[in-house]
Amino acid sequence: MSAETRALDVSNFDAETSEGVVLAFFGEPWDSGSRRELRIIEKVAALTAGRLKVGMCSVKDAPELAERFNIRSIPATLLFKDGKEAERLVGLRHEGTLIRHLKKYLEQEA
């Protein structure tokens, strides 16, 4: 996990996603798709530092969150805006695609 990302679990998820734009990544280190998506997300986190919070959530370590958000396939990336789920991206995404999805939310924050 990079300096721009934080670990999300049951104890901090609601507090971490309650304000602003937050990207919550659900995945597992053993999953090759999750590993590839994580590299993209960490790059996006570095590019958007200070404008976007990025959190990582292990579905194995936080099954309650996976169930709460109906995560059935990984990698899954949920975008939150002020505590509410605004968008859901399931599967591997290209960096440009992810940035395009984030752009409209980040422009609202400016």
PDB file of N, CA and C in Angstrom:
ATOM      1  N   MET A   1       0.842  -1.174   0.000  1.00  0.00           N
ATOM      2  CA  MET A   1       0.000   0.000   0.000  1.00  0.00           C
ATOM      3  C   MET A   1       0.888   1.238   0.000  1.00  0.00           C
ATOM      4  N   SER A   2       0.558   2.200  -0.825  1.00  0.00           N
ATOM      5  CA  SER A   2       1.375   3.403  -0.940  1.00  0.00           C
ATOM      6  C   SER A   2       0.978   4.435   0.120  1.00  0.00           C
ATOM      7  N   ALA A   3       1.744   5.510   0.183  1.00  0.00           N
ATOM      8  CA  ALA A   3       1.476   6.578   1.151  1.00  0.00           C
ATOM      9  C   ALA A   3       0.153   7.276   0.870  1.00  0.00           C
ATOM     10  N   GLU A   4      -0.322   7.219  -0.386  1.00  0.00           N
ATOM     11  CA  GLU A   4      -1.559   7.900  -0.755  1.00  0.00           C
ATOM     12  C   GLU A   4      -2.799   7.050  -0.456  1.00  0.00           C
ATOM     13  N   THR A   5      -2.607   5.812  -0.048  1.00  0.00           N
ATOM     14  CA  THR A   5      -3.743   4.927   0.211  1.00  0.00           C
ATOM     15  C   THR A   5      -3.808   4.566   1.684  1.00  0.00           C
ATOM     16  N   ARG A   6      -4.971   4.130   2.105  1.00  0.00           N
ATOM     17  CA  ARG A   6      -5.153   3.723   3.496  1.00  0.00           C
ATOM     18  C   ARG A   6      -5.922   2.413   3.532  1.00  0.00           C
ATOM     19  N   ALA A   7      -5.727   1.667   4.588  1.00  0.00           N
ATOM     20  CA  ALA A   7      -6.451   0.402   4.767  1.00  0.00           C
ATOM     21  C   ALA A   7      -7.856   0.711   5.266  1.00  0.00           C
ATOM     22  N   LEU A   8      -8.832   0.037   4.679  1.00  0.00           N
ATOM     23  CA  LEU A   8     -10.222   0.182   5.119  1.00  0.00           C
ATOM     24  C   LEU A   8     -10.681  -1.127   5.741  1.00  0.00           C
ATOM     25  N   ASP A   9     -11.385  -1.009   6.847  1.00  0.00           N
ATOM     26  CA  ASP A   9     -11.982  -2.176   7.482  1.00  0.00           C
ATOM     27  C   ASP A   9     -13.273  -1.741   8.167  1.00  0.00           C
ATOM     28  N   VAL A  10     -13.888  -2.652   8.876  1.00  0.00           N
ATOM     29  CA  VAL A  10     -15.180  -2.372   9.521  1.00  0.00           C
ATOM     30  C   VAL A  10     -15.064  -1.200  10.501  1.00  0.00           C
ATOM     31  N   SER A  11     -13.934  -1.095  11.177  1.00  0.00           N
ATOM     32  CA  SER A  11     -13.793  -0.070  12.217  1.00  0.00           C
ATOM     33  C   SER A  11     -13.678   1.348  11.670  1.00  0.00           C
ATOM     34  N   ASN A  12     -13.224   1.522  10.436  1.00  0.00           N
ATOM     35  CA  ASN A  12     -13.003   2.886   9.943  1.00  0.00           C
ATOM     36  C   ASN A  12     -13.720   3.225   8.632  1.00  0.00           C
ATOM     37  N   PHE A  13     -14.412   2.280   8.027  1.00  0.00           N
ATOM     38  CA  PHE A  13     -14.970   2.487   6.695  1.00  0.00           C
ATOM     39  C   PHE A  13     -15.923   3.685   6.634  1.00  0.00           C
ATOM     40  N   ASP A  14     -16.887   3.737   7.523  1.00  0.00           N
ATOM     41  CA  ASP A  14     -17.871   4.830   7.477  1.00  0.00           C
ATOM     42  C   ASP A  14     -17.219   6.191   7.701  1.00  0.00           C
ATOM     43  N   ALA A  15     -16.291   6.272   8.631  1.00  0.00           N
ATOM     44  CA  ALA A  15     -15.610   7.545   8.893  1.00  0.00           C
ATOM     45  C   ALA A  15     -14.763   7.967   7.703  1.00  0.00           C
ATOM     46  N   GLU A  16     -14.066   7.024   7.094  1.00  0.00           N
ATOM     47  CA  GLU A  16     -13.181   7.340   5.969  1.00  0.00           C
ATOM     48  C   GLU A  16     -13.953   7.746   4.707  1.00  0.00           C
ATOM     49  N   THR A  17     -15.157   7.237   4.544  1.00  0.00           N
ATOM     50  CA  THR A  17     -15.925   7.528   3.323  1.00  0.00           C
ATOM     51  C   THR A  17     -16.985   8.602   3.516  1.00  0.00           C
ATOM     52  N   SER A  18     -17.077   9.198   4.686  1.00  0.00           N
ATOM     53  CA  SER A  18     -18.181  10.112   4.993  1.00  0.00           C
ATOM     54  C   SER A  18     -18.095  11.473   4.314  1.00  0.00           C
ATOM     55  N   GLU A  19     -16.890  11.933   3.965  1.00  0.00           N
ATOM     56  CA  GLU A  19     -16.743  13.268   3.379  1.00  0.00           C
ATOM     57  C   GLU A  19     -15.883  13.231   2.132  1.00  0.00           C
ATOM     58  N   GLY A  20     -16.263  14.017   1.151  1.00  0.00           N
ATOM     59  CA  GLY A  20     -15.470  14.158  -0.054  1.00  0.00           C
ATOM     60  C   GLY A  20     -15.610  12.976  -0.992  1.00  0.00           C
ATOM     61  N   VAL A  21     -14.633  12.860  -1.892  1.00  0.00           N
ATOM     62  CA  VAL A  21     -14.613  11.795  -2.883  1.00  0.00           C
ATOM     63  C   VAL A  21     -13.641  10.723  -2.407  1.00  0.00           C
ATOM     64  N   VAL A  22     -14.149   9.499  -2.311  1.00  0.00           N
ATOM     65  CA  VAL A  22     -13.348   8.381  -1.811  1.00  0.00           C
ATOM     66  C   VAL A  22     -13.478   7.205  -2.765  1.00  0.00           C
ATOM     67  N   LEU A  23     -12.351   6.642  -3.123  1.00  0.00           N
ATOM     68  CA  LEU A  23     -12.294   5.454  -3.949  1.00  0.00           C
ATOM     69  C   LEU A  23     -11.994   4.279  -3.018  1.00  0.00           C
ATOM     70  N   ALA A  24     -12.924   3.345  -2.915  1.00  0.00           N
ATOM     71  CA  ALA A  24     -12.742   2.171  -2.061  1.00  0.00           C
ATOM     72  C   ALA A  24     -12.527   0.946  -2.949  1.00  0.00           C
ATOM     73  N   PHE A  25     -11.349   0.374  -2.849  1.00  0.00           N
ATOM     74  CA  PHE A  25     -10.972  -0.766  -3.672  1.00  0.00           C
ATOM     75  C   PHE A  25     -11.129  -2.050  -2.865  1.00  0.00           C
ATOM     76  N   PHE A  26     -11.892  -2.997  -3.409  1.00  0.00           N
ATOM     77  CA  PHE A  26     -12.077  -4.306  -2.790  1.00  0.00           C
ATOM     78  C   PHE A  26     -11.330  -5.338  -3.626  1.00  0.00           C
ATOM     79  N   GLY A  27     -10.421  -6.055  -3.012  1.00  0.00           N
ATOM     80  CA  GLY A  27      -9.651  -7.055  -3.735  1.00  0.00           C
ATOM     81  C   GLY A  27      -8.847  -7.915  -2.787  1.00  0.00           C
ATOM     82  N   GLU A  28      -7.987  -8.741  -3.363  1.00  0.00           N
ATOM     83  CA  GLU A  28      -7.133  -9.642  -2.596  1.00  0.00           C
ATOM     84  C   GLU A  28      -5.763  -9.746  -3.257  1.00  0.00           C
ATOM     85  N   PRO A  29      -4.691  -9.832  -2.457  1.00  0.00           N
ATOM     86  CA  PRO A  29      -3.347  -9.926  -3.027  1.00  0.00           C
ATOM     87  C   PRO A  29      -3.113 -11.188  -3.862  1.00  0.00           C
ATOM     88  N   TRP A  30      -3.820 -12.251  -3.596  1.00  0.00           N
ATOM     89  CA  TRP A  30      -3.631 -13.496  -4.340  1.00  0.00           C
ATOM     90  C   TRP A  30      -4.282 -13.457  -5.722  1.00  0.00           C
ATOM     91  N   ASP A  31      -5.157 -12.488  -5.965  1.00  0.00           N
ATOM     92  CA  ASP A  31      -5.877 -12.383  -7.233  1.00  0.00           C
ATOM     93  C   ASP A  31      -5.085 -11.518  -8.210  1.00  0.00           C
ATOM     94  N   SER A  32      -4.750 -12.088  -9.373  1.00  0.00           N
ATOM     95  CA  SER A  32      -3.923 -11.342 -10.335  1.00  0.00           C
ATOM     96  C   SER A  32      -4.627 -10.074 -10.839  1.00  0.00           C
ATOM     97  N   GLY A  33      -5.935 -10.127 -11.057  1.00  0.00           N
ATOM     98  CA  GLY A  33      -6.675  -8.932 -11.476  1.00  0.00           C
ATOM     99  C   GLY A  33      -6.625  -7.844 -10.415  1.00  0.00           C
ATOM    100  N   SER A  34      -6.746  -8.240  -9.155  1.00  0.00           N
ATOM    101  CA  SER A  34      -6.664  -7.276  -8.049  1.00  0.00           C
ATOM    102  C   SER A  34      -5.286  -6.637  -7.997  1.00  0.00           C
ATOM    103  N   ARG A  35      -4.246  -7.442  -8.175  1.00  0.00           N
ATOM    104  CA  ARG A  35      -2.879  -6.897  -8.142  1.00  0.00           C
ATOM    105  C   ARG A  35      -2.668  -5.878  -9.261  1.00  0.00           C
ATOM    106  N   ARG A  36      -3.146  -6.195 -10.462  1.00  0.00           N
ATOM    107  CA  ARG A  36      -2.993  -5.258 -11.589  1.00  0.00           C
ATOM    108  C   ARG A  36      -3.798  -3.988 -11.345  1.00  0.00           C
ATOM    109  N   GLU A  37      -5.035  -4.137 -10.886  1.00  0.00           N
ATOM    110  CA  GLU A  37      -5.889  -2.971 -10.633  1.00  0.00           C
ATOM    111  C   GLU A  37      -5.308  -2.119  -9.500  1.00  0.00           C
ATOM    112  N   LEU A  38      -4.734  -2.766  -8.502  1.00  0.00           N
ATOM    113  CA  LEU A  38      -4.140  -2.040  -7.380  1.00  0.00           C
ATOM    114  C   LEU A  38      -3.000  -1.140  -7.857  1.00  0.00           C
ATOM    115  N   ARG A  39      -2.182  -1.618  -8.780  1.00  0.00           N
ATOM    116  CA  ARG A  39      -1.096  -0.776  -9.321  1.00  0.00           C
ATOM    117  C   ARG A  39      -1.683   0.457 -10.016  1.00  0.00           C
ATOM    118  N   ILE A  40      -2.759   0.284 -10.752  1.00  0.00           N
ATOM    119  CA  ILE A  40      -3.411   1.407 -11.439  1.00  0.00           C
ATOM    120  C   ILE A  40      -3.997   2.373 -10.413  1.00  0.00           C
ATOM    121  N   ILE A  41      -4.666   1.838  -9.410  1.00  0.00           N
ATOM    122  CA  ILE A  41      -5.290   2.681  -8.394  1.00  0.00           C
ATOM    123  C   ILE A  41      -4.241   3.455  -7.609  1.00  0.00           C
ATOM    124  N   GLU A  42      -3.123   2.831  -7.283  1.00  0.00           N
ATOM    125  CA  GLU A  42      -2.064   3.540  -6.563  1.00  0.00           C
ATOM    126  C   GLU A  42      -1.479   4.664  -7.417  1.00  0.00           C
ATOM    127  N   LYS A  43      -1.382   4.449  -8.714  1.00  0.00           N
ATOM    128  CA  LYS A  43      -0.902   5.501  -9.613  1.00  0.00           C
ATOM    129  C   LYS A  43      -1.897   6.663  -9.647  1.00  0.00           C
ATOM    130  N   VAL A  44      -3.182   6.345  -9.749  1.00  0.00           N
ATOM    131  CA  VAL A  44      -4.227   7.370  -9.734  1.00  0.00           C
ATOM    132  C   VAL A  44      -4.228   8.103  -8.398  1.00  0.00           C
ATOM    133  N   ALA A  45      -4.020   7.387  -7.304  1.00  0.00           N
ATOM    134  CA  ALA A  45      -3.966   8.017  -5.977  1.00  0.00           C
ATOM    135  C   ALA A  45      -2.831   9.037  -5.915  1.00  0.00           C
ATOM    136  N   ALA A  46      -1.689   8.701  -6.488  1.00  0.00           N
ATOM    137  CA  ALA A  46      -0.561   9.635  -6.501  1.00  0.00           C
ATOM    138  C   ALA A  46      -0.880  10.860  -7.363  1.00  0.00           C
ATOM    139  N   LEU A  47      -1.552  10.644  -8.481  1.00  0.00           N
ATOM    140  CA  LEU A  47      -1.905  11.755  -9.378  1.00  0.00           C
ATOM    141  C   LEU A  47      -2.949  12.689  -8.777  1.00  0.00           C
ATOM    142  N   THR A  48      -3.788  12.167  -7.913  1.00  0.00           N
ATOM    143  CA  THR A  48      -4.892  12.954  -7.356  1.00  0.00           C
ATOM    144  C   THR A  48      -4.700  13.245  -5.866  1.00  0.00           C
ATOM    145  N   ALA A  49      -3.489  13.122  -5.379  1.00  0.00           N
ATOM    146  CA  ALA A  49      -3.205  13.318  -3.949  1.00  0.00           C
ATOM    147  C   ALA A  49      -3.787  14.640  -3.464  1.00  0.00           C
ATOM    148  N   GLY A  50      -4.473  14.567  -2.338  1.00  0.00           N
ATOM    149  CA  GLY A  50      -5.072  15.757  -1.754  1.00  0.00           C
ATOM    150  C   GLY A  50      -6.469  16.058  -2.252  1.00  0.00           C
ATOM    151  N   ARG A  51      -6.858  15.457  -3.369  1.00  0.00           N
ATOM    152  CA  ARG A  51      -8.196  15.700  -3.919  1.00  0.00           C
ATOM    153  C   ARG A  51      -9.083  14.476  -3.804  1.00  0.00           C
ATOM    154  N   LEU A  52      -8.477  13.332  -3.514  1.00  0.00           N
ATOM    155  CA  LEU A  52      -9.192  12.063  -3.505  1.00  0.00           C
ATOM    156  C   LEU A  52      -8.601  11.165  -2.436  1.00  0.00           C
ATOM    157  N   LYS A  53      -9.447  10.578  -1.627  1.00  0.00           N
ATOM    158  CA  LYS A  53      -8.995   9.563  -0.673  1.00  0.00           C
ATOM    159  C   LYS A  53      -9.106   8.214  -1.359  1.00  0.00           C
ATOM    160  N   VAL A  54      -8.128   7.372  -1.141  1.00  0.00           N
ATOM    161  CA  VAL A  54      -8.147   6.031  -1.708  1.00  0.00           C
ATOM    162  C   VAL A  54      -7.936   5.038  -0.582  1.00  0.00           C
ATOM    163  N   GLY A  55      -8.853   4.070  -0.507  1.00  0.00           N
ATOM    164  CA  GLY A  55      -8.749   3.048   0.519  1.00  0.00           C
ATOM    165  C   GLY A  55      -8.795   1.657  -0.075  1.00  0.00           C
ATOM    166  N   MET A  56      -8.101   0.733   0.580  1.00  0.00           N
ATOM    167  CA  MET A  56      -8.050  -0.658   0.151  1.00  0.00           C
ATOM    168  C   MET A  56      -8.742  -1.519   1.187  1.00  0.00           C
ATOM    169  N   CYS A  57      -9.574  -2.431   0.706  1.00  0.00           N
ATOM    170  CA  CYS A  57     -10.325  -3.303   1.603  1.00  0.00           C
ATOM    171  C   CYS A  57     -10.167  -4.752   1.145  1.00  0.00           C
ATOM    172  N   SER A  58      -9.697  -5.595   2.028  1.00  0.00           N
ATOM    173  CA  SER A  58      -9.574  -7.026   1.751  1.00  0.00           C
ATOM    174  C   SER A  58     -10.925  -7.687   1.993  1.00  0.00           C
ATOM    175  N   VAL A  59     -11.457  -8.366   0.994  1.00  0.00           N
ATOM    176  CA  VAL A  59     -12.742  -9.037   1.175  1.00  0.00           C
ATOM    177  C   VAL A  59     -12.615 -10.212   2.145  1.00  0.00           C
ATOM    178  N   LYS A  60     -11.414 -10.779   2.250  1.00  0.00           N
ATOM    179  CA  LYS A  60     -11.178 -11.878   3.193  1.00  0.00           C
ATOM    180  C   LYS A  60     -11.139 -11.353   4.632  1.00  0.00           C
ATOM    181  N   ASP A  61     -10.489 -10.215   4.830  1.00  0.00           N
ATOM    182  CA  ASP A  61     -10.341  -9.666   6.175  1.00  0.00           C
ATOM    183  C   ASP A  61     -11.555  -8.862   6.641  1.00  0.00           C
ATOM    184  N   ALA A  62     -12.380  -8.416   5.701  1.00  0.00           N
ATOM    185  CA  ALA A  62     -13.569  -7.631   6.053  1.00  0.00           C
ATOM    186  C   ALA A  62     -14.792  -8.165   5.302  1.00  0.00           C
ATOM    187  N   PRO A  63     -15.164  -9.428   5.579  1.00  0.00           N
ATOM    188  CA  PRO A  63     -16.311  -9.997   4.859  1.00  0.00           C
ATOM    189  C   PRO A  63     -17.611  -9.240   5.110  1.00  0.00           C
ATOM    190  N   GLU A  64     -17.707  -8.569   6.266  1.00  0.00           N
ATOM    191  CA  GLU A  64     -18.904  -7.789   6.567  1.00  0.00           C
ATOM    192  C   GLU A  64     -19.084  -6.660   5.555  1.00  0.00           C
ATOM    193  N   LEU A  65     -17.977  -6.012   5.184  1.00  0.00           N
ATOM    194  CA  LEU A  65     -18.054  -4.929   4.202  1.00  0.00           C
ATOM    195  C   LEU A  65     -18.350  -5.467   2.813  1.00  0.00           C
ATOM    196  N   ALA A  66     -17.741  -6.591   2.474  1.00  0.00           N
ATOM    197  CA  ALA A  66     -18.014  -7.206   1.173  1.00  0.00           C
ATOM    198  C   ALA A  66     -19.495  -7.562   1.066  1.00  0.00           C
ATOM    199  N   GLU A  67     -20.057  -8.072   2.139  1.00  0.00           N
ATOM    200  CA  GLU A  67     -21.486  -8.418   2.133  1.00  0.00           C
ATOM    201  C   GLU A  67     -22.349  -7.161   2.102  1.00  0.00           C
ATOM    202  N   ARG A  68     -21.983  -6.185   2.905  1.00  0.00           N
ATOM    203  CA  ARG A  68     -22.752  -4.933   2.974  1.00  0.00           C
ATOM    204  C   ARG A  68     -22.859  -4.261   1.604  1.00  0.00           C
ATOM    205  N   PHE A  69     -21.782  -4.314   0.826  1.00  0.00           N
ATOM    206  CA  PHE A  69     -21.777  -3.659  -0.476  1.00  0.00           C
ATOM    207  C   PHE A  69     -21.961  -4.648  -1.628  1.00  0.00           C
ATOM    208  N   ASN A  70     -22.375  -5.853  -1.285  1.00  0.00           N
ATOM    209  CA  ASN A  70     -22.717  -6.869  -2.283  1.00  0.00           C
ATOM    210  C   ASN A  70     -21.575  -7.095  -3.281  1.00  0.00           C
ATOM    211  N   ILE A  71     -20.362  -7.235  -2.750  1.00  0.00           N
ATOM    212  CA  ILE A  71     -19.191  -7.504  -3.589  1.00  0.00           C
ATOM    213  C   ILE A  71     -19.200  -8.987  -3.921  1.00  0.00           C
ATOM    214  N   ARG A  72     -19.406  -9.300  -5.179  1.00  0.00           N
ATOM    215  CA  ARG A  72     -19.488 -10.688  -5.634  1.00  0.00           C
ATOM    216  C   ARG A  72     -18.331 -11.068  -6.535  1.00  0.00           C
ATOM    217  N   SER A  73     -17.599 -10.056  -7.008  1.00  0.00           N
ATOM    218  CA  SER A  73     -16.486 -10.300  -7.913  1.00  0.00           C
ATOM    219  C   SER A  73     -15.397  -9.276  -7.612  1.00  0.00           C
ATOM    220  N   ILE A  74     -14.150  -9.720  -7.667  1.00  0.00           N
ATOM    221  CA  ILE A  74     -13.030  -8.803  -7.449  1.00  0.00           C
ATOM    222  C   ILE A  74     -12.156  -8.803  -8.695  1.00  0.00           C
ATOM    223  N   PRO A  75     -11.491  -7.711  -8.956  1.00  0.00           N
ATOM    224  CA  PRO A  75     -11.492  -6.475  -8.190  1.00  0.00           C
ATOM    225  C   PRO A  75     -12.784  -5.680  -8.395  1.00  0.00           C
ATOM    226  N   ALA A  76     -13.155  -4.970  -7.348  1.00  0.00           N
ATOM    227  CA  ALA A  76     -14.316  -4.080  -7.406  1.00  0.00           C
ATOM    228  C   ALA A  76     -13.899  -2.741  -6.802  1.00  0.00           C
ATOM    229  N   THR A  77     -14.257  -1.675  -7.467  1.00  0.00           N
ATOM    230  CA  THR A  77     -13.913  -0.343  -7.013  1.00  0.00           C
ATOM    231  C   THR A  77     -15.199   0.449  -6.860  1.00  0.00           C
ATOM    232  N   LEU A  78     -15.439   0.941  -5.657  1.00  0.00           N
ATOM    233  CA  LEU A  78     -16.632   1.736  -5.384  1.00  0.00           C
ATOM    234  C   LEU A  78     -16.204   3.178  -5.147  1.00  0.00           C
ATOM    235  N   LEU A  79     -16.916   4.087  -5.768  1.00  0.00           N
ATOM    236  CA  LEU A  79     -16.638   5.507  -5.616  1.00  0.00           C
ATOM    237  C   LEU A  79     -17.712   6.098  -4.709  1.00  0.00           C
ATOM    238  N   PHE A  80     -17.281   6.733  -3.640  1.00  0.00           N
ATOM    239  CA  PHE A  80     -18.198   7.357  -2.684  1.00  0.00           C
ATOM    240  C   PHE A  80     -18.073   8.866  -2.774  1.00  0.00           C
ATOM    241  N   LYS A  81     -19.199   9.523  -2.666  1.00  0.00           N
ATOM    242  CA  LYS A  81     -19.250  10.987  -2.616  1.00  0.00           C
ATOM    243  C   LYS A  81     -20.035  11.358  -1.371  1.00  0.00           C
ATOM    244  N   ASP A  82     -19.353  11.954  -0.413  1.00  0.00           N
ATOM    245  CA  ASP A  82     -19.959  12.364   0.859  1.00  0.00           C
ATOM    246  C   ASP A  82     -20.748  11.226   1.521  1.00  0.00           C
ATOM    247  N   GLY A  83     -20.130  10.051   1.579  1.00  0.00           N
ATOM    248  CA  GLY A  83     -20.702   8.922   2.307  1.00  0.00           C
ATOM    249  C   GLY A  83     -21.665   8.048   1.535  1.00  0.00           C
ATOM    250  N   LYS A  84     -22.003   8.424   0.330  1.00  0.00           N
ATOM    251  CA  LYS A  84     -22.948   7.633  -0.464  1.00  0.00           C
ATOM    252  C   LYS A  84     -22.246   7.051  -1.687  1.00  0.00           C
ATOM    253  N   GLU A  85     -22.572   5.795  -2.001  1.00  0.00           N
ATOM    254  CA  GLU A  85     -21.994   5.173  -3.179  1.00  0.00           C
ATOM    255  C   GLU A  85     -22.488   5.900  -4.421  1.00  0.00           C
ATOM    256  N   ALA A  86     -21.556   6.395  -5.217  1.00  0.00           N
ATOM    257  CA  ALA A  86     -21.902   7.158  -6.420  1.00  0.00           C
ATOM    258  C   ALA A  86     -21.691   6.350  -7.690  1.00  0.00           C
ATOM    259  N   GLU A  87     -20.740   5.424  -7.645  1.00  0.00           N
ATOM    260  CA  GLU A  87     -20.434   4.646  -8.839  1.00  0.00           C
ATOM    261  C   GLU A  87     -19.737   3.349  -8.421  1.00  0.00           C
ATOM    262  N   ARG A  88     -19.916   2.319  -9.252  1.00  0.00           N
ATOM    263  CA  ARG A  88     -19.321   1.006  -8.988  1.00  0.00           C
ATOM    264  C   ARG A  88     -18.668   0.512 -10.271  1.00  0.00           C
ATOM    265  N   LEU A  89     -17.410   0.130 -10.148  1.00  0.00           N
ATOM    266  CA  LEU A  89     -16.647  -0.391 -11.276  1.00  0.00           C
ATOM    267  C   LEU A  89     -16.162  -1.788 -10.900  1.00  0.00           C
ATOM    268  N   VAL A  90     -16.591  -2.781 -11.631  1.00  0.00           N
ATOM    269  CA  VAL A  90     -16.208  -4.161 -11.331  1.00  0.00           C
ATOM    270  C   VAL A  90     -15.299  -4.657 -12.440  1.00  0.00           C
ATOM    271  N   GLY A  91     -14.220  -5.299 -12.043  1.00  0.00           N
ATOM    272  CA  GLY A  91     -13.269  -5.824 -13.004  1.00  0.00           C
ATOM    273  C   GLY A  91     -12.106  -4.876 -13.203  1.00  0.00           C
ATOM    274  N   LEU A  92     -11.193  -5.299 -14.023  1.00  0.00           N
ATOM    275  CA  LEU A  92      -9.980  -4.542 -14.295  1.00  0.00           C
ATOM    276  C   LEU A  92     -10.285  -3.336 -15.175  1.00  0.00           C
ATOM    277  N   ARG A  93      -9.768  -2.182 -14.802  1.00  0.00           N
ATOM    278  CA  ARG A  93      -9.964  -0.938 -15.548  1.00  0.00           C
ATOM    279  C   ARG A  93      -8.622  -0.381 -15.976  1.00  0.00           C
ATOM    280  N   HIS A  94      -8.603   0.255 -17.112  1.00  0.00           N
ATOM    281  CA  HIS A  94      -7.427   0.977 -17.579  1.00  0.00           C
ATOM    282  C   HIS A  94      -7.341   2.281 -16.795  1.00  0.00           C
ATOM    283  N   GLU A  95      -6.144   2.772 -16.611  1.00  0.00           N
ATOM    284  CA  GLU A  95      -5.915   4.011 -15.863  1.00  0.00           C
ATOM    285  C   GLU A  95      -6.751   5.170 -16.417  1.00  0.00           C
ATOM    286  N   GLY A  96      -6.764   5.347 -17.736  1.00  0.00           N
ATOM    287  CA  GLY A  96      -7.520   6.433 -18.352  1.00  0.00           C
ATOM    288  C   GLY A  96      -9.008   6.324 -18.090  1.00  0.00           C
ATOM    289  N   THR A  97      -9.527   5.109 -18.110  1.00  0.00           N
ATOM    290  CA  THR A  97     -10.946   4.887 -17.835  1.00  0.00           C
ATOM    291  C   THR A  97     -11.276   5.282 -16.402  1.00  0.00           C
ATOM    292  N   LEU A  98     -10.437   4.882 -15.476  1.00  0.00           N
ATOM    293  CA  LEU A  98     -10.659   5.215 -14.074  1.00  0.00           C
ATOM    294  C   LEU A  98     -10.611   6.729 -13.864  1.00  0.00           C
ATOM    295  N   ILE A  99      -9.656   7.382 -14.465  1.00  0.00           N
ATOM    296  CA  ILE A  99      -9.548   8.841 -14.328  1.00  0.00           C
ATOM    297  C   ILE A  99     -10.776   9.529 -14.914  1.00  0.00           C
ATOM    298  N   ARG A 100     -11.275   9.050 -16.065  1.00  0.00           N
ATOM    299  CA  ARG A 100     -12.491   9.635 -16.646  1.00  0.00           C
ATOM    300  C   ARG A 100     -13.679   9.497 -15.699  1.00  0.00           C
ATOM    301  N   HIS A 101     -13.810   8.355 -15.039  1.00  0.00           N
ATOM    302  CA  HIS A 101     -14.907   8.164 -14.083  1.00  0.00           C
ATOM    303  C   HIS A 101     -14.763   9.119 -12.892  1.00  0.00           C
ATOM    304  N   LEU A 102     -13.550   9.349 -12.463  1.00  0.00           N
ATOM    305  CA  LEU A 102     -13.307  10.205 -11.299  1.00  0.00           C
ATOM    306  C   LEU A 102     -13.428  11.690 -11.609  1.00  0.00           C
ATOM    307  N   LYS A 103     -13.144  12.049 -12.840  1.00  0.00           N
ATOM    308  CA  LYS A 103     -13.036  13.457 -13.223  1.00  0.00           C
ATOM    309  C   LYS A 103     -14.272  14.279 -12.839  1.00  0.00           C
ATOM    310  N   LYS A 104     -15.448  13.761 -13.119  1.00  0.00           N
ATOM    311  CA  LYS A 104     -16.658  14.548 -12.833  1.00  0.00           C
ATOM    312  C   LYS A 104     -16.836  14.785 -11.333  1.00  0.00           C
ATOM    313  N   TYR A 105     -16.411  13.838 -10.504  1.00  0.00           N
ATOM    314  CA  TYR A 105     -16.541  14.003  -9.063  1.00  0.00           C
ATOM    315  C   TYR A 105     -15.465  14.945  -8.526  1.00  0.00           C
ATOM    316  N   LEU A 106     -14.270  14.859  -9.066  1.00  0.00           N
ATOM    317  CA  LEU A 106     -13.188  15.735  -8.623  1.00  0.00           C
ATOM    318  C   LEU A 106     -13.440  17.175  -9.055  1.00  0.00           C
ATOM    319  N   GLU A 107     -14.050  17.366 -10.209  1.00  0.00           N
ATOM    320  CA  GLU A 107     -14.370  18.733 -10.663  1.00  0.00           C
ATOM    321  C   GLU A 107     -15.418  19.365  -9.758  1.00  0.00           C
ATOM    322  N   GLN A 108     -16.325  18.571  -9.221  1.00  0.00           N
ATOM    323  CA  GLN A 108     -17.336  19.087  -8.300  1.00  0.00           C
ATOM    324  C   GLN A 108     -16.687  19.547  -6.994  1.00  0.00           C
ATOM    325  N   GLU A 109     -15.576  18.911  -6.618  1.00  0.00           N
ATOM    326  CA  GLU A 109     -14.878  19.251  -5.377  1.00  0.00           C
ATOM    327  C   GLU A 109     -14.093  20.548  -5.484  1.00  0.00           C
ATOM    328  N   ALA A 110     -13.681  20.913  -6.704  1.00  0.00           N
ATOM    329  CA  ALA A 110     -12.806  22.081  -6.898  1.00  0.00           C
ATOM    330  C   ALA A 110     -13.530  23.379  -6.620  1.00  0.00           C
TER     331      ALA A 110
END
